[in-house]
Amino acid sequence: MLGSPLVRAAVALAVLLLLLVPLRSFTGTRPPVAATVVAATPETTAHLEIVSTKSPFTFSVGYLGKPIWHGTSDGPTTASDVKLPIPKEGIDLSLDVGWTGPETSAAKLVLSHDDNEPTERTVWGSGQASDILTFP
């Protein structure tokens, strides 16, 4: 045997007490952290254009679950200017398009704002198409 049982018990108790300090810091309650305030992105005028391979078509463009532009177009192209907060990270817009007939068609959403180059995204569908489009 290596040492007395009383000495081994004292060493084991000392090791457990030393482990109590980091264990308490990991599992202890802390005061809630204050929420950081994110600066609101100012709204800018964005030019939206929809180009479709088939007309007439109905469309709806949304931002954060709310429609910002919708309507019907008898021609292959329609455009509008809308106010949007466009952060430097980019923006996600939803596009829902509907055509008459079952043929496969496409619609291109073009976004331009400030002095940036226009950015375009395309959706395809048979009769209708719906997608979330990310614009950097």
C-alpha atoms as a PDB file:
ATOM      1  CA  MET A   1       0.000   0.000   0.000  1.00  0.00           C
ATOM      2  CA  LEU A   2       1.094   3.508  -0.814  1.00  0.00           C
ATOM      3  CA  GLY A   3       0.478   5.692   2.211  1.00  0.00           C
ATOM      4  CA  SER A   4      -2.151   5.764   4.822  1.00  0.00           C
ATOM      5  CA  PRO A   5      -5.859   5.750   3.881  1.00  0.00           C
ATOM      6  CA  LEU A   6      -6.320   8.938   5.869  1.00  0.00           C
ATOM      7  CA  VAL A   7      -3.629  10.751   3.815  1.00  0.00           C
ATOM      8  CA  ARG A   8      -5.109   9.455   0.527  1.00  0.00           C
ATOM      9  CA  ALA A   9      -8.590  10.637   1.545  1.00  0.00           C
ATOM     10  CA  ALA A  10      -7.195  14.089   2.445  1.00  0.00           C
ATOM     11  CA  VAL A  11      -5.422  14.348  -0.957  1.00  0.00           C
ATOM     12  CA  ALA A  12      -8.600  13.272  -2.812  1.00  0.00           C
ATOM     13  CA  LEU A  13     -10.635  15.854  -0.872  1.00  0.00           C
ATOM     14  CA  ALA A  14      -8.088  18.576  -1.714  1.00  0.00           C
ATOM     15  CA  VAL A  15      -8.242  17.675  -5.444  1.00  0.00           C
ATOM     16  CA  LEU A  16     -12.050  17.776  -5.401  1.00  0.00           C
ATOM     17  CA  LEU A  17     -12.026  21.166  -3.678  1.00  0.00           C
ATOM     18  CA  LEU A  18      -9.611  22.512  -6.309  1.00  0.00           C
ATOM     19  CA  LEU A  19     -11.951  21.268  -9.065  1.00  0.00           C
ATOM     20  CA  LEU A  20     -14.855  23.058  -7.427  1.00  0.00           C
ATOM     21  CA  VAL A  21     -13.576  26.519  -8.456  1.00  0.00           C
ATOM     22  CA  PRO A  22     -13.613  26.027 -12.258  1.00  0.00           C
ATOM     23  CA  LEU A  23     -16.757  23.888 -12.057  1.00  0.00           C
ATOM     24  CA  ARG A  24     -18.598  26.672 -10.248  1.00  0.00           C
ATOM     25  CA  SER A  25     -17.503  29.283 -12.810  1.00  0.00           C
ATOM     26  CA  PHE A  26     -18.776  27.101 -15.682  1.00  0.00           C
ATOM     27  CA  THR A  27     -22.149  26.286 -14.127  1.00  0.00           C
ATOM     28  CA  GLY A  28     -22.852  29.373 -12.030  1.00  0.00           C
ATOM     29  CA  THR A  29     -25.489  31.924 -12.960  1.00  0.00           C
ATOM     30  CA  ARG A  30     -24.375  35.165 -14.520  1.00  0.00           C
ATOM     31  CA  PRO A  31     -26.252  38.417 -14.868  1.00  0.00           C
ATOM     32  CA  PRO A  32     -27.916  38.782 -18.281  1.00  0.00           C
ATOM     33  CA  VAL A  33     -25.886  40.507 -20.935  1.00  0.00           C
ATOM     34  CA  ALA A  34     -27.407  43.714 -22.239  1.00  0.00           C
ATOM     35  CA  ALA A  35     -28.680  43.400 -25.795  1.00  0.00           C
ATOM     36  CA  THR A  36     -26.552  45.185 -28.317  1.00  0.00           C
ATOM     37  CA  VAL A  37     -28.316  47.823 -30.334  1.00  0.00           C
ATOM     38  CA  VAL A  38     -27.881  47.363 -34.056  1.00  0.00           C
ATOM     39  CA  ALA A  39     -27.859  50.584 -35.982  1.00  0.00           C
ATOM     40  CA  ALA A  40     -30.741  50.772 -38.410  1.00  0.00           C
ATOM     41  CA  THR A  41     -29.732  50.810 -42.046  1.00  0.00           C
ATOM     42  CA  PRO A  42     -31.082  53.928 -43.724  1.00  0.00           C
ATOM     43  CA  GLU A  43     -33.538  53.382 -46.536  1.00  0.00           C
ATOM     44  CA  THR A  44     -32.375  54.048 -50.054  1.00  0.00           C
ATOM     45  CA  THR A  45     -34.261  54.193 -53.327  1.00  0.00           C
ATOM     46  CA  ALA A  46     -33.836  50.913 -55.172  1.00  0.00           C
ATOM     47  CA  HIS A  47     -34.813  50.338 -58.784  1.00  0.00           C
ATOM     48  CA  LEU A  48     -36.465  46.960 -59.350  1.00  0.00           C
ATOM     49  CA  GLU A  49     -37.106  45.520 -62.785  1.00  0.00           C
ATOM     50  CA  ILE A  50     -38.733  42.209 -63.726  1.00  0.00           C
ATOM     51  CA  VAL A  51     -38.105  40.701 -67.155  1.00  0.00           C
ATOM     52  CA  SER A  52     -40.189  37.658 -68.079  1.00  0.00           C
ATOM     53  CA  THR A  53     -39.884  35.190 -70.939  1.00  0.00           C
ATOM     54  CA  LYS A  54     -43.677  35.023 -71.208  1.00  0.00           C
ATOM     55  CA  SER A  55     -46.351  37.644 -70.842  1.00  0.00           C
ATOM     56  CA  PRO A  56     -48.783  38.422 -69.346  1.00  0.00           C
ATOM     57  CA  PHE A  57     -47.596  37.567 -65.839  1.00  0.00           C
ATOM     58  CA  THR A  58     -48.435  38.388 -62.247  1.00  0.00           C
ATOM     59  CA  PHE A  59     -45.743  39.078 -59.687  1.00  0.00           C
ATOM     60  CA  SER A  60     -45.077  39.934 -56.078  1.00  0.00           C
ATOM     61  CA  VAL A  61     -41.764  41.071 -54.594  1.00  0.00           C
ATOM     62  CA  GLY A  62     -41.398  40.908 -50.819  1.00  0.00           C
ATOM     63  CA  TYR A  63     -38.944  41.929 -48.129  1.00  0.00           C
ATOM     64  CA  LEU A  64     -38.989  40.402 -44.633  1.00  0.00           C
ATOM     65  CA  GLY A  65     -42.290  38.670 -45.350  1.00  0.00           C
ATOM     66  CA  LYS A  66     -44.102  41.833 -46.459  1.00  0.00           C
ATOM     67  CA  PRO A  67     -44.954  42.660 -50.073  1.00  0.00           C
ATOM     68  CA  ILE A  68     -43.172  45.768 -51.335  1.00  0.00           C
ATOM     69  CA  TRP A  69     -44.280  45.617 -54.984  1.00  0.00           C
ATOM     70  CA  HIS A  70     -46.881  43.523 -56.792  1.00  0.00           C
ATOM     71  CA  GLY A  71     -49.017  43.646 -59.876  1.00  0.00           C
ATOM     72  CA  THR A  72     -49.670  42.316 -63.350  1.00  0.00           C
ATOM     73  CA  SER A  73     -47.717  43.054 -66.513  1.00  0.00           C
ATOM     74  CA  ASP A  74     -48.979  42.674 -70.072  1.00  0.00           C
ATOM     75  CA  GLY A  75     -45.492  43.149 -71.538  1.00  0.00           C
ATOM     76  CA  PRO A  76     -42.252  41.280 -70.968  1.00  0.00           C
ATOM     77  CA  THR A  77     -40.804  43.990 -68.677  1.00  0.00           C
ATOM     78  CA  THR A  78     -42.023  46.037 -65.726  1.00  0.00           C
ATOM     79  CA  ALA A  79     -40.093  48.326 -63.352  1.00  0.00           C
ATOM     80  CA  SER A  80     -40.573  50.342 -60.190  1.00  0.00           C
ATOM     81  CA  ASP A  81     -38.616  52.351 -57.624  1.00  0.00           C
ATOM     82  CA  VAL A  82     -39.068  51.361 -53.970  1.00  0.00           C
ATOM     83  CA  LYS A  83     -37.557  52.498 -50.675  1.00  0.00           C
ATOM     84  CA  LEU A  84     -35.511  49.718 -49.023  1.00  0.00           C
ATOM     85  CA  PRO A  85     -32.873  49.467 -46.312  1.00  0.00           C
ATOM     86  CA  ILE A  86     -29.998  47.761 -48.124  1.00  0.00           C
ATOM     87  CA  PRO A  87     -27.190  46.815 -45.706  1.00  0.00           C
ATOM     88  CA  LYS A  88     -23.638  46.364 -46.915  1.00  0.00           C
ATOM     89  CA  GLU A  89     -23.996  42.577 -46.413  1.00  0.00           C
ATOM     90  CA  GLY A  90     -26.778  42.412 -48.995  1.00  0.00           C
ATOM     91  CA  ILE A  91     -30.521  41.876 -49.009  1.00  0.00           C
ATOM     92  CA  ASP A  92     -32.909  38.938 -49.481  1.00  0.00           C
ATOM     93  CA  LEU A  93     -36.017  39.542 -51.584  1.00  0.00           C
ATOM     94  CA  SER A  94     -38.803  37.049 -52.267  1.00  0.00           C
ATOM     95  CA  LEU A  95     -40.150  36.778 -55.795  1.00  0.00           C
ATOM     96  CA  ASP A  96     -43.422  35.079 -56.715  1.00  0.00           C
ATOM     97  CA  VAL A  97     -44.332  34.962 -60.413  1.00  0.00           C
ATOM     98  CA  GLY A  98     -47.311  33.378 -62.156  1.00  0.00           C
ATOM     99  CA  TRP A  99     -47.876  32.773 -65.872  1.00  0.00           C
ATOM    100  CA  THR A 100     -50.825  31.411 -67.819  1.00  0.00           C
ATOM    101  CA  GLY A 101     -50.253  27.971 -69.234  1.00  0.00           C
ATOM    102  CA  PRO A 102     -48.087  25.041 -68.140  1.00  0.00           C
ATOM    103  CA  GLU A 103     -45.008  25.925 -70.229  1.00  0.00           C
ATOM    104  CA  THR A 104     -41.698  26.446 -68.450  1.00  0.00           C
ATOM    105  CA  SER A 105     -40.970  30.161 -68.155  1.00  0.00           C
ATOM    106  CA  ALA A 106     -38.423  32.363 -66.417  1.00  0.00           C
ATOM    107  CA  ALA A 107     -38.439  35.734 -64.712  1.00  0.00           C
ATOM    108  CA  LYS A 108     -35.392  37.841 -63.951  1.00  0.00           C
ATOM    109  CA  LEU A 109     -35.391  40.332 -61.067  1.00  0.00           C
ATOM    110  CA  VAL A 110     -32.867  43.141 -61.489  1.00  0.00           C
ATOM    111  CA  LEU A 111     -31.920  45.307 -58.472  1.00  0.00           C
ATOM    112  CA  SER A 112     -29.928  48.517 -58.765  1.00  0.00           C
ATOM    113  CA  HIS A 113     -29.371  51.171 -56.117  1.00  0.00           C
ATOM    114  CA  ASP A 114     -27.109  54.150 -55.549  1.00  0.00           C
ATOM    115  CA  ASP A 115     -24.089  53.931 -57.860  1.00  0.00           C
ATOM    116  CA  ASN A 116     -23.805  50.129 -57.688  1.00  0.00           C
ATOM    117  CA  GLU A 117     -23.893  47.883 -60.723  1.00  0.00           C
ATOM    118  CA  PRO A 118     -27.297  46.240 -61.311  1.00  0.00           C
ATOM    119  CA  THR A 119     -27.544  42.730 -59.878  1.00  0.00           C
ATOM    120  CA  GLU A 120     -29.902  40.136 -61.328  1.00  0.00           C
ATOM    121  CA  ARG A 121     -31.335  36.816 -60.188  1.00  0.00           C
ATOM    122  CA  THR A 122     -33.565  34.436 -62.167  1.00  0.00           C
ATOM    123  CA  VAL A 123     -36.368  32.044 -61.211  1.00  0.00           C
ATOM    124  CA  TRP A 124     -37.802  29.278 -63.420  1.00  0.00           C
ATOM    125  CA  GLY A 125     -41.126  27.519 -63.211  1.00  0.00           C
ATOM    126  CA  SER A 126     -44.026  25.860 -65.006  1.00  0.00           C
ATOM    127  CA  GLY A 127     -47.038  28.077 -64.514  1.00  0.00           C
ATOM    128  CA  GLN A 128     -45.538  29.699 -61.422  1.00  0.00           C
ATOM    129  CA  ALA A 129     -42.259  30.229 -59.611  1.00  0.00           C
ATOM    130  CA  SER A 130     -41.368  31.322 -56.116  1.00  0.00           C
ATOM    131  CA  ASP A 131     -37.947  31.820 -54.519  1.00  0.00           C
ATOM    132  CA  ILE A 132     -35.900  33.882 -52.071  1.00  0.00           C
ATOM    133  CA  LEU A 133     -33.234  35.781 -53.998  1.00  0.00           C
ATOM    134  CA  THR A 134     -30.067  37.090 -52.337  1.00  0.00           C
ATOM    135  CA  PHE A 135     -28.546  40.286 -53.697  1.00  0.00           C
ATOM    136  CA  PRO A 136     -25.059  41.167 -52.447  1.00  0.00           C
END
